[in-house]
Amino acid sequence: MRKGQAALLIAAAILIMLGLLFLVENFLPSWMHITNLIWPAIFLAGGIWFLLSASSNHGKYWGLFMPGSILTGLGLIFLITSYLPFTWSFLWPIILISIGVGFFLMMFFGRVFGLIIPAAILCSLGLVFFIISALASISPVAWSLLWPLIIIFIGVAMLTIFFFRHSIVYSFSRKPVDEKTETVPRQEHLT
């Protein structure tokens, strides 16, 4: 079978399955809409495919972790908003967390240790905004906790940058850095 014929058969099978899905949904009660699963399933399947592709090649394609984590996060948001009483205004920090997780996975599989800084910042921001959204939805008085949380987050971010800048993470860099002057020492060649 040729490549074009196989693609035609796959496209026809997908269209037949979608048609059957929409036909069956007409006979189900209104609370069991199967089509609410289509968008989350598409995003989750794409995200999982990217994640599996990136991890199955021994880290060769570690850049695929970023779209995989983003699509998986969006799929989770669509799935949660379809069946639970949460809205985008509460769940949007999942996007920040999924990007941070993508950076973490790229760091571990790609051995690029400098990616820990954006990963930590994005995951921390996502968690802080989740806490703020939860507090704001519980009571309006909880907004008074917003400003101390922002100040704490800024302090934690500054400490994270300071400690990782002076830690072993930067000792894996390609060029050694002189700690006193923070410059790359000159290599003198004998001519």
N, C-alpha and C. Protein backbone atom coordinates (compact mmCIF):
# COMPACT_ATOMS: atom_id res chain seq x y z
N MET A 1 0.85 -1.18 0.00
CA MET A 1 0.00 0.00 0.00
C MET A 1 0.90 1.24 0.00
N ARG A 2 0.55 2.18 -0.83
CA ARG A 2 1.33 3.41 -0.92
C ARG A 2 1.04 4.34 0.25
N LYS A 3 1.96 5.31 0.40
CA LYS A 3 1.82 6.26 1.49
C LYS A 3 0.54 7.10 1.35
N GLY A 4 0.22 7.54 0.16
CA GLY A 4 -0.98 8.35 -0.07
C GLY A 4 -2.26 7.58 0.19
N GLN A 5 -2.27 6.28 -0.15
CA GLN A 5 -3.45 5.47 0.10
C GLN A 5 -3.65 5.24 1.60
N ALA A 6 -2.56 5.04 2.32
CA ALA A 6 -2.68 4.85 3.77
C ALA A 6 -3.20 6.12 4.44
N ALA A 7 -2.73 7.27 4.01
CA ALA A 7 -3.20 8.54 4.58
C ALA A 7 -4.68 8.74 4.29
N LEU A 8 -5.13 8.36 3.09
CA LEU A 8 -6.54 8.49 2.73
C LEU A 8 -7.40 7.59 3.60
N LEU A 9 -6.94 6.35 3.84
CA LEU A 9 -7.70 5.43 4.70
C LEU A 9 -7.76 5.93 6.13
N ILE A 10 -6.69 6.49 6.65
CA ILE A 10 -6.68 7.02 8.01
C ILE A 10 -7.62 8.21 8.13
N ALA A 11 -7.59 9.12 7.15
CA ALA A 11 -8.48 10.28 7.17
C ALA A 11 -9.93 9.85 7.09
N ALA A 12 -10.24 8.86 6.25
CA ALA A 12 -11.62 8.36 6.14
C ALA A 12 -12.07 7.73 7.45
N ALA A 13 -11.20 6.96 8.11
CA ALA A 13 -11.56 6.33 9.38
C ALA A 13 -11.81 7.38 10.46
N ILE A 14 -11.00 8.43 10.48
CA ILE A 14 -11.20 9.51 11.47
C ILE A 14 -12.54 10.20 11.23
N LEU A 15 -12.87 10.49 9.98
CA LEU A 15 -14.15 11.15 9.68
C LEU A 15 -15.33 10.26 10.05
N ILE A 16 -15.23 8.96 9.79
CA ILE A 16 -16.32 8.05 10.15
C ILE A 16 -16.48 8.00 11.67
N MET A 17 -15.38 7.94 12.41
CA MET A 17 -15.47 7.91 13.88
C MET A 17 -16.06 9.20 14.42
N LEU A 18 -15.66 10.36 13.87
CA LEU A 18 -16.24 11.62 14.33
C LEU A 18 -17.73 11.69 14.03
N GLY A 19 -18.13 11.24 12.86
CA GLY A 19 -19.56 11.21 12.51
C GLY A 19 -20.35 10.32 13.45
N LEU A 20 -19.82 9.14 13.77
CA LEU A 20 -20.49 8.25 14.72
C LEU A 20 -20.57 8.88 16.11
N LEU A 21 -19.52 9.57 16.50
CA LEU A 21 -19.50 10.23 17.80
C LEU A 21 -20.60 11.28 17.89
N PHE A 22 -20.73 12.12 16.86
CA PHE A 22 -21.77 13.15 16.86
C PHE A 22 -23.17 12.54 16.77
N LEU A 23 -23.30 11.41 16.06
CA LEU A 23 -24.59 10.74 15.96
C LEU A 23 -25.01 10.15 17.29
N VAL A 24 -24.09 9.50 17.99
CA VAL A 24 -24.39 8.89 19.29
C VAL A 24 -24.74 9.96 20.32
N GLU A 25 -24.11 11.11 20.21
CA GLU A 25 -24.36 12.16 21.20
C GLU A 25 -25.81 12.66 21.14
N ASN A 26 -26.46 12.55 20.01
CA ASN A 26 -27.86 12.97 19.90
C ASN A 26 -28.80 12.12 20.75
N PHE A 27 -28.39 10.91 21.08
CA PHE A 27 -29.23 10.00 21.84
C PHE A 27 -28.88 9.95 23.33
N LEU A 28 -27.88 10.71 23.75
CA LEU A 28 -27.45 10.72 25.15
C LEU A 28 -28.14 11.85 25.90
N PRO A 29 -28.25 11.74 27.22
CA PRO A 29 -28.78 12.87 28.01
C PRO A 29 -27.90 14.10 27.85
N SER A 30 -28.48 15.25 28.13
CA SER A 30 -27.77 16.51 27.89
C SER A 30 -26.52 16.66 28.76
N TRP A 31 -26.45 16.02 29.91
CA TRP A 31 -25.28 16.17 30.78
C TRP A 31 -24.12 15.28 30.35
N MET A 32 -24.34 14.37 29.41
CA MET A 32 -23.27 13.47 28.97
C MET A 32 -22.76 13.82 27.58
N HIS A 33 -22.47 15.05 27.33
CA HIS A 33 -21.97 15.44 26.02
C HIS A 33 -20.56 14.92 25.81
N ILE A 34 -20.43 14.04 24.85
CA ILE A 34 -19.12 13.47 24.54
C ILE A 34 -18.24 14.49 23.82
N THR A 35 -18.86 15.39 23.10
CA THR A 35 -18.05 16.37 22.35
C THR A 35 -17.30 17.32 23.27
N ASN A 36 -17.68 17.38 24.54
CA ASN A 36 -16.89 18.17 25.49
C ASN A 36 -15.50 17.57 25.69
N LEU A 37 -15.34 16.32 25.33
CA LEU A 37 -14.04 15.66 25.46
C LEU A 37 -13.15 15.83 24.23
N ILE A 38 -13.71 16.30 23.12
CA ILE A 38 -12.93 16.33 21.87
C ILE A 38 -11.75 17.28 21.98
N TRP A 39 -11.99 18.55 22.36
CA TRP A 39 -10.87 19.49 22.46
C TRP A 39 -9.85 19.09 23.50
N PRO A 40 -10.28 18.71 24.71
CA PRO A 40 -9.26 18.25 25.66
C PRO A 40 -8.50 17.02 25.16
N ALA A 41 -9.20 16.12 24.50
CA ALA A 41 -8.53 14.91 24.02
C ALA A 41 -7.51 15.24 22.93
N ILE A 42 -7.84 16.18 22.06
CA ILE A 42 -6.89 16.56 21.00
C ILE A 42 -5.64 17.18 21.61
N PHE A 43 -5.82 18.11 22.54
CA PHE A 43 -4.67 18.75 23.17
C PHE A 43 -3.87 17.76 24.02
N LEU A 44 -4.56 16.92 24.79
CA LEU A 44 -3.85 15.95 25.62
C LEU A 44 -3.11 14.92 24.77
N ALA A 45 -3.74 14.45 23.69
CA ALA A 45 -3.07 13.48 22.82
C ALA A 45 -1.84 14.10 22.16
N GLY A 46 -1.97 15.33 21.69
CA GLY A 46 -0.81 16.00 21.09
C GLY A 46 0.29 16.23 22.10
N GLY A 47 -0.06 16.65 23.30
CA GLY A 47 0.94 16.89 24.33
C GLY A 47 1.65 15.62 24.75
N ILE A 48 0.87 14.56 24.94
CA ILE A 48 1.48 13.29 25.33
C ILE A 48 2.35 12.75 24.21
N TRP A 49 1.92 12.93 22.96
CA TRP A 49 2.75 12.48 21.83
C TRP A 49 4.09 13.21 21.81
N PHE A 50 4.06 14.54 22.01
CA PHE A 50 5.31 15.30 22.06
C PHE A 50 6.20 14.83 23.22
N LEU A 51 5.59 14.64 24.39
CA LEU A 51 6.37 14.21 25.56
C LEU A 51 6.99 12.83 25.35
N LEU A 52 6.21 11.91 24.79
CA LEU A 52 6.75 10.57 24.54
C LEU A 52 7.81 10.59 23.45
N SER A 53 7.61 11.41 22.43
CA SER A 53 8.62 11.51 21.36
C SER A 53 9.92 12.06 21.89
N ALA A 54 9.84 13.03 22.76
CA ALA A 54 11.05 13.64 23.31
C ALA A 54 11.78 12.68 24.25
N SER A 55 11.04 11.94 25.05
CA SER A 55 11.69 11.07 26.04
C SER A 55 12.12 9.73 25.46
N SER A 56 11.53 9.29 24.37
CA SER A 56 11.87 7.97 23.84
C SER A 56 13.14 7.96 23.00
N ASN A 57 13.65 9.10 22.62
CA ASN A 57 14.86 9.16 21.79
C ASN A 57 16.10 9.48 22.60
N HIS A 58 16.13 9.08 23.85
CA HIS A 58 17.28 9.27 24.73
C HIS A 58 17.70 10.73 24.82
N GLY A 59 16.74 11.61 24.85
CA GLY A 59 17.03 13.03 25.01
C GLY A 59 17.53 13.72 23.76
N LYS A 60 17.47 13.04 22.62
CA LYS A 60 17.97 13.64 21.38
C LYS A 60 17.11 14.82 20.95
N TYR A 61 15.81 14.70 21.12
CA TYR A 61 14.89 15.77 20.74
C TYR A 61 14.28 16.41 21.99
N TRP A 62 15.10 16.84 22.91
CA TRP A 62 14.62 17.37 24.18
C TRP A 62 13.85 18.67 24.02
N GLY A 63 13.95 19.34 22.90
CA GLY A 63 13.18 20.56 22.68
C GLY A 63 11.69 20.30 22.53
N LEU A 64 11.30 19.05 22.27
CA LEU A 64 9.88 18.71 22.15
C LEU A 64 9.15 18.70 23.48
N PHE A 65 9.90 18.77 24.58
CA PHE A 65 9.25 18.80 25.89
C PHE A 65 8.44 20.08 26.08
N MET A 66 8.87 21.19 25.49
CA MET A 66 8.15 22.45 25.68
C MET A 66 6.76 22.41 25.05
N PRO A 67 6.62 22.11 23.73
CA PRO A 67 5.24 22.04 23.21
C PRO A 67 4.43 20.92 23.86
N GLY A 68 5.09 19.84 24.25
CA GLY A 68 4.36 18.77 24.92
C GLY A 68 3.77 19.19 26.25
N SER A 69 4.55 19.92 27.03
CA SER A 69 4.03 20.35 28.33
C SER A 69 2.96 21.43 28.17
N ILE A 70 3.12 22.32 27.20
CA ILE A 70 2.11 23.36 26.98
C ILE A 70 0.79 22.74 26.52
N LEU A 71 0.84 21.84 25.54
CA LEU A 71 -0.39 21.21 25.05
C LEU A 71 -1.06 20.36 26.13
N THR A 72 -0.27 19.68 26.93
CA THR A 72 -0.84 18.90 28.03
C THR A 72 -1.51 19.81 29.06
N GLY A 73 -0.88 20.93 29.38
CA GLY A 73 -1.49 21.88 30.31
C GLY A 73 -2.80 22.45 29.77
N LEU A 74 -2.81 22.82 28.48
CA LEU A 74 -4.05 23.33 27.89
C LEU A 74 -5.14 22.26 27.86
N GLY A 75 -4.75 21.01 27.56
CA GLY A 75 -5.72 19.93 27.59
C GLY A 75 -6.33 19.73 28.97
N LEU A 76 -5.50 19.85 30.01
CA LEU A 76 -6.02 19.75 31.38
C LEU A 76 -6.99 20.88 31.69
N ILE A 77 -6.65 22.09 31.25
CA ILE A 77 -7.55 23.22 31.49
C ILE A 77 -8.89 22.99 30.79
N PHE A 78 -8.85 22.58 29.52
CA PHE A 78 -10.10 22.33 28.78
C PHE A 78 -10.91 21.21 29.44
N LEU A 79 -10.24 20.16 29.90
CA LEU A 79 -10.94 19.05 30.53
C LEU A 79 -11.58 19.48 31.84
N ILE A 80 -10.86 20.22 32.65
CA ILE A 80 -11.39 20.66 33.94
C ILE A 80 -12.56 21.62 33.75
N THR A 81 -12.43 22.58 32.82
CA THR A 81 -13.52 23.55 32.62
C THR A 81 -14.74 22.91 31.97
N SER A 82 -14.58 21.77 31.31
CA SER A 82 -15.73 21.10 30.70
C SER A 82 -16.59 20.38 31.72
N TYR A 83 -15.99 19.84 32.77
CA TYR A 83 -16.74 18.98 33.68
C TYR A 83 -16.79 19.44 35.13
N LEU A 84 -15.97 20.42 35.49
CA LEU A 84 -15.98 20.92 36.86
C LEU A 84 -16.33 22.40 36.87
N PRO A 85 -16.80 22.93 37.99
CA PRO A 85 -17.24 24.33 38.02
C PRO A 85 -16.10 25.34 38.18
N PHE A 86 -15.00 25.14 37.46
CA PHE A 86 -13.89 26.09 37.49
C PHE A 86 -13.85 26.82 36.15
N THR A 87 -13.35 28.05 36.19
CA THR A 87 -13.27 28.86 34.97
C THR A 87 -11.82 29.17 34.64
N TRP A 88 -11.64 29.78 33.47
CA TRP A 88 -10.30 30.18 33.03
C TRP A 88 -9.67 31.16 34.01
N SER A 89 -10.48 32.01 34.62
CA SER A 89 -9.92 33.00 35.54
C SER A 89 -9.27 32.36 36.75
N PHE A 90 -9.64 31.12 37.06
CA PHE A 90 -9.03 30.40 38.17
C PHE A 90 -7.90 29.48 37.70
N LEU A 91 -8.03 28.92 36.49
CA LEU A 91 -7.10 27.88 36.04
C LEU A 91 -5.96 28.36 35.14
N TRP A 92 -5.93 29.63 34.77
CA TRP A 92 -4.89 30.08 33.84
C TRP A 92 -3.47 29.90 34.36
N PRO A 93 -3.20 29.86 35.67
CA PRO A 93 -1.82 29.61 36.11
C PRO A 93 -1.27 28.25 35.68
N ILE A 94 -2.14 27.32 35.27
CA ILE A 94 -1.66 26.03 34.76
C ILE A 94 -0.77 26.24 33.55
N ILE A 95 -1.04 27.28 32.76
CA ILE A 95 -0.21 27.55 31.58
C ILE A 95 1.21 27.91 32.01
N LEU A 96 1.34 28.78 33.02
CA LEU A 96 2.67 29.13 33.51
C LEU A 96 3.39 27.92 34.09
N ILE A 97 2.66 27.11 34.84
CA ILE A 97 3.27 25.93 35.44
C ILE A 97 3.70 24.94 34.36
N SER A 98 2.88 24.77 33.33
CA SER A 98 3.24 23.81 32.27
C SER A 98 4.46 24.28 31.48
N ILE A 99 4.61 25.59 31.28
CA ILE A 99 5.82 26.09 30.62
C ILE A 99 7.03 25.86 31.52
N GLY A 100 6.88 26.10 32.83
CA GLY A 100 7.96 25.83 33.76
C GLY A 100 8.35 24.36 33.79
N VAL A 101 7.36 23.47 33.74
CA VAL A 101 7.64 22.03 33.70
C VAL A 101 8.37 21.68 32.41
N GLY A 102 7.99 22.33 31.30
CA GLY A 102 8.70 22.11 30.05
C GLY A 102 10.17 22.50 30.15
N PHE A 103 10.45 23.62 30.81
CA PHE A 103 11.84 24.03 31.03
C PHE A 103 12.58 23.03 31.92
N PHE A 104 11.91 22.53 32.97
CA PHE A 104 12.54 21.53 33.83
C PHE A 104 12.90 20.27 33.04
N LEU A 105 11.96 19.79 32.23
CA LEU A 105 12.22 18.58 31.44
C LEU A 105 13.34 18.81 30.43
N MET A 106 13.36 19.99 29.82
CA MET A 106 14.44 20.31 28.88
C MET A 106 15.77 20.37 29.61
N MET A 107 15.76 20.86 30.84
CA MET A 107 17.00 20.94 31.61
C MET A 107 17.52 19.54 31.93
N PHE A 108 16.63 18.65 32.38
CA PHE A 108 17.08 17.32 32.77
C PHE A 108 17.52 16.48 31.58
N PHE A 109 16.74 16.50 30.51
CA PHE A 109 17.07 15.65 29.37
C PHE A 109 18.12 16.26 28.46
N GLY A 110 18.14 17.59 28.36
CA GLY A 110 19.10 18.25 27.49
C GLY A 110 20.39 18.64 28.18
N ARG A 111 20.43 18.46 29.51
CA ARG A 111 21.60 18.81 30.30
C ARG A 111 21.99 20.28 30.14
N VAL A 112 20.99 21.14 30.03
CA VAL A 112 21.21 22.58 29.97
C VAL A 112 20.78 23.13 31.32
N PHE A 113 21.73 23.24 32.24
CA PHE A 113 21.41 23.55 33.62
C PHE A 113 20.98 25.01 33.82
N GLY A 114 21.24 25.86 32.88
CA GLY A 114 20.81 27.24 33.00
C GLY A 114 19.30 27.41 32.87
N LEU A 115 18.60 26.38 32.40
CA LEU A 115 17.14 26.47 32.25
C LEU A 115 16.41 26.34 33.58
N ILE A 116 17.14 26.06 34.65
CA ILE A 116 16.47 25.94 35.95
C ILE A 116 15.93 27.29 36.42
N ILE A 117 16.55 28.37 36.00
CA ILE A 117 16.09 29.69 36.45
C ILE A 117 14.72 30.03 35.87
N PRO A 118 14.52 29.97 34.53
CA PRO A 118 13.15 30.25 34.05
C PRO A 118 12.14 29.20 34.51
N ALA A 119 12.59 27.95 34.68
CA ALA A 119 11.67 26.92 35.15
C ALA A 119 11.19 27.23 36.56
N ALA A 120 12.11 27.59 37.44
CA ALA A 120 11.73 27.89 38.82
C ALA A 120 10.87 29.14 38.90
N ILE A 121 11.22 30.16 38.12
CA ILE A 121 10.45 31.40 38.15
C ILE A 121 9.02 31.17 37.65
N LEU A 122 8.87 30.45 36.53
CA LEU A 122 7.53 30.24 35.97
C LEU A 122 6.68 29.34 36.87
N CYS A 123 7.27 28.28 37.41
CA CYS A 123 6.50 27.42 38.32
C CYS A 123 6.11 28.17 39.59
N SER A 124 7.03 28.98 40.11
CA SER A 124 6.71 29.77 41.30
C SER A 124 5.62 30.78 41.02
N LEU A 125 5.72 31.47 39.89
CA LEU A 125 4.66 32.42 39.52
C LEU A 125 3.31 31.73 39.39
N GLY A 126 3.30 30.58 38.74
CA GLY A 126 2.05 29.83 38.59
C GLY A 126 1.45 29.45 39.92
N LEU A 127 2.28 28.97 40.85
CA LEU A 127 1.77 28.61 42.16
C LEU A 127 1.28 29.82 42.94
N VAL A 128 2.01 30.93 42.86
CA VAL A 128 1.58 32.15 43.55
C VAL A 128 0.24 32.63 42.99
N PHE A 129 0.10 32.61 41.66
CA PHE A 129 -1.17 33.06 41.08
C PHE A 129 -2.31 32.08 41.37
N PHE A 130 -2.01 30.79 41.50
CA PHE A 130 -3.04 29.85 41.94
C PHE A 130 -3.51 30.18 43.34
N ILE A 131 -2.58 30.46 44.23
CA ILE A 131 -2.93 30.81 45.60
C ILE A 131 -3.75 32.09 45.63
N ILE A 132 -3.33 33.09 44.84
CA ILE A 132 -4.07 34.35 44.80
C ILE A 132 -5.47 34.14 44.25
N SER A 133 -5.60 33.33 43.19
CA SER A 133 -6.93 33.06 42.63
C SER A 133 -7.81 32.33 43.62
N ALA A 134 -7.23 31.38 44.34
CA ALA A 134 -8.01 30.64 45.34
C ALA A 134 -8.45 31.56 46.47
N LEU A 135 -7.54 32.40 46.94
CA LEU A 135 -7.90 33.32 48.02
C LEU A 135 -8.94 34.33 47.57
N ALA A 136 -8.81 34.81 46.34
CA ALA A 136 -9.77 35.80 45.84
C ALA A 136 -11.15 35.19 45.64
N SER A 137 -11.20 33.90 45.31
CA SER A 137 -12.51 33.28 45.11
C SER A 137 -13.17 32.92 46.44
N ILE A 138 -12.38 32.77 47.50
CA ILE A 138 -12.95 32.43 48.80
C ILE A 138 -13.61 33.65 49.44
N SER A 139 -12.85 34.74 49.51
CA SER A 139 -13.42 35.96 50.10
C SER A 139 -12.68 37.18 49.59
N PRO A 140 -13.37 38.30 49.51
CA PRO A 140 -12.69 39.53 49.08
C PRO A 140 -11.63 40.00 50.07
N VAL A 141 -11.77 39.62 51.34
CA VAL A 141 -10.78 40.00 52.34
C VAL A 141 -9.43 39.36 52.03
N ALA A 142 -9.46 38.24 51.35
CA ALA A 142 -8.23 37.53 51.03
C ALA A 142 -7.32 38.34 50.10
N TRP A 143 -7.88 39.30 49.41
CA TRP A 143 -7.05 40.14 48.56
C TRP A 143 -6.02 40.92 49.36
N SER A 144 -6.29 41.10 50.64
CA SER A 144 -5.32 41.81 51.46
C SER A 144 -4.04 41.00 51.64
N LEU A 145 -4.08 39.70 51.34
CA LEU A 145 -2.89 38.87 51.39
C LEU A 145 -2.07 38.94 50.10
N LEU A 146 -2.62 39.61 49.10
CA LEU A 146 -1.94 39.67 47.80
C LEU A 146 -0.59 40.37 47.90
N TRP A 147 -0.54 41.52 48.53
CA TRP A 147 0.70 42.29 48.56
C TRP A 147 1.81 41.60 49.34
N PRO A 148 1.56 41.02 50.48
CA PRO A 148 2.66 40.28 51.13
C PRO A 148 3.16 39.10 50.30
N LEU A 149 2.26 38.42 49.59
CA LEU A 149 2.69 37.30 48.74
C LEU A 149 3.58 37.78 47.60
N ILE A 150 3.27 38.92 47.03
CA ILE A 150 4.10 39.46 45.96
C ILE A 150 5.48 39.82 46.49
N ILE A 151 5.53 40.43 47.66
CA ILE A 151 6.83 40.79 48.25
C ILE A 151 7.64 39.53 48.57
N ILE A 152 6.98 38.51 49.11
CA ILE A 152 7.68 37.26 49.40
C ILE A 152 8.18 36.63 48.11
N PHE A 153 7.36 36.63 47.07
CA PHE A 153 7.78 36.04 45.79
C PHE A 153 8.99 36.75 45.22
N ILE A 154 9.00 38.07 45.27
CA ILE A 154 10.14 38.82 44.74
C ILE A 154 11.40 38.48 45.53
N GLY A 155 11.28 38.36 46.85
CA GLY A 155 12.44 37.98 47.66
C GLY A 155 12.94 36.59 47.33
N VAL A 156 12.04 35.64 47.15
CA VAL A 156 12.43 34.27 46.80
C VAL A 156 13.08 34.24 45.42
N ALA A 157 12.55 34.99 44.48
CA ALA A 157 13.14 35.05 43.14
C ALA A 157 14.55 35.63 43.19
N MET A 158 14.74 36.68 43.99
CA MET A 158 16.07 37.28 44.10
C MET A 158 17.05 36.30 44.73
N LEU A 159 16.63 35.57 45.77
CA LEU A 159 17.50 34.57 46.40
C LEU A 159 17.82 33.44 45.43
N THR A 160 16.83 33.00 44.66
CA THR A 160 17.06 31.93 43.70
C THR A 160 18.10 32.34 42.67
N ILE A 161 17.96 33.53 42.14
CA ILE A 161 18.93 34.02 41.16
C ILE A 161 20.31 34.14 41.79
N PHE A 162 20.39 34.65 43.00
CA PHE A 162 21.68 34.81 43.67
C PHE A 162 22.36 33.46 43.90
N PHE A 163 21.62 32.50 44.48
CA PHE A 163 22.23 31.22 44.81
C PHE A 163 22.59 30.41 43.58
N PHE A 164 21.77 30.46 42.55
CA PHE A 164 22.08 29.69 41.36
C PHE A 164 23.18 30.34 40.53
N ARG A 165 23.34 31.61 40.69
CA ARG A 165 24.42 32.28 39.97
C ARG A 165 25.77 31.92 40.57
N HIS A 166 25.80 31.68 41.86
CA HIS A 166 27.04 31.38 42.54
C HIS A 166 27.14 29.91 42.94
N SER A 167 26.38 29.05 42.31
CA SER A 167 26.40 27.64 42.70
C SER A 167 27.09 26.78 41.64
N ILE A 168 26.95 25.51 41.84
CA ILE A 168 27.61 24.54 40.96
C ILE A 168 26.97 24.51 39.57
N VAL A 169 25.76 25.04 39.44
CA VAL A 169 25.10 25.04 38.14
C VAL A 169 25.96 25.74 37.11
N TYR A 170 26.57 26.84 37.49
CA TYR A 170 27.38 27.59 36.54
C TYR A 170 28.79 27.03 36.40
N SER A 171 29.15 26.05 37.22
CA SER A 171 30.47 25.46 37.05
C SER A 171 30.50 24.52 35.86
N PHE A 172 29.34 24.17 35.32
CA PHE A 172 29.28 23.32 34.15
C PHE A 172 29.38 24.11 32.85
N SER A 173 29.54 25.41 32.96
CA SER A 173 29.63 26.20 31.74
C SER A 173 30.91 25.87 30.99
N ARG A 174 30.95 26.24 29.74
CA ARG A 174 32.06 25.85 28.88
C ARG A 174 33.35 26.58 29.20
N LYS A 175 33.25 27.82 29.62
CA LYS A 175 34.45 28.60 29.89
C LYS A 175 34.53 28.88 31.39
N PRO A 176 35.70 28.67 31.99
CA PRO A 176 35.83 28.98 33.43
C PRO A 176 35.78 30.49 33.65
N VAL A 177 35.18 30.86 34.77
CA VAL A 177 35.04 32.28 35.09
C VAL A 177 35.83 32.57 36.36
N ASP A 178 36.61 33.65 36.33
CA ASP A 178 37.34 34.09 37.50
C ASP A 178 36.36 34.72 38.47
N GLU A 179 36.25 34.19 39.69
CA GLU A 179 35.24 34.66 40.63
C GLU A 179 35.50 36.07 41.13
N LYS A 180 36.74 36.51 41.17
CA LYS A 180 37.03 37.85 41.67
C LYS A 180 36.58 38.92 40.68
N THR A 181 36.86 38.71 39.42
CA THR A 181 36.53 39.73 38.42
C THR A 181 35.30 39.37 37.61
N GLU A 182 34.80 38.13 37.75
CA GLU A 182 33.67 37.62 36.99
C GLU A 182 33.88 37.76 35.50
N THR A 183 35.10 37.52 35.05
CA THR A 183 35.41 37.54 33.62
C THR A 183 36.07 36.22 33.25
N VAL A 184 36.09 35.95 31.99
CA VAL A 184 36.73 34.75 31.48
C VAL A 184 38.23 35.01 31.42
N PRO A 185 39.05 34.18 32.08
CA PRO A 185 40.50 34.44 32.06
C PRO A 185 41.06 34.26 30.64
N ARG A 186 42.05 35.05 30.36
CA ARG A 186 42.69 35.04 29.06
C ARG A 186 43.64 33.85 28.95
N GLN A 187 43.60 33.18 27.83
CA GLN A 187 44.52 32.07 27.62
C GLN A 187 45.66 32.57 26.76
N GLU A 188 46.86 32.46 27.30
CA GLU A 188 48.01 32.93 26.56
C GLU A 188 48.64 31.76 25.82
N HIS A 189 48.93 32.00 24.56
CA HIS A 189 49.53 30.97 23.71
C HIS A 189 51.01 31.30 23.49
N LEU A 190 51.79 30.27 23.44
CA LEU A 190 53.21 30.44 23.12
C LEU A 190 53.38 30.51 21.61
N THR A 191 53.95 31.57 21.15
CA THR A 191 54.17 31.67 19.70
C THR A 191 55.63 31.72 19.38
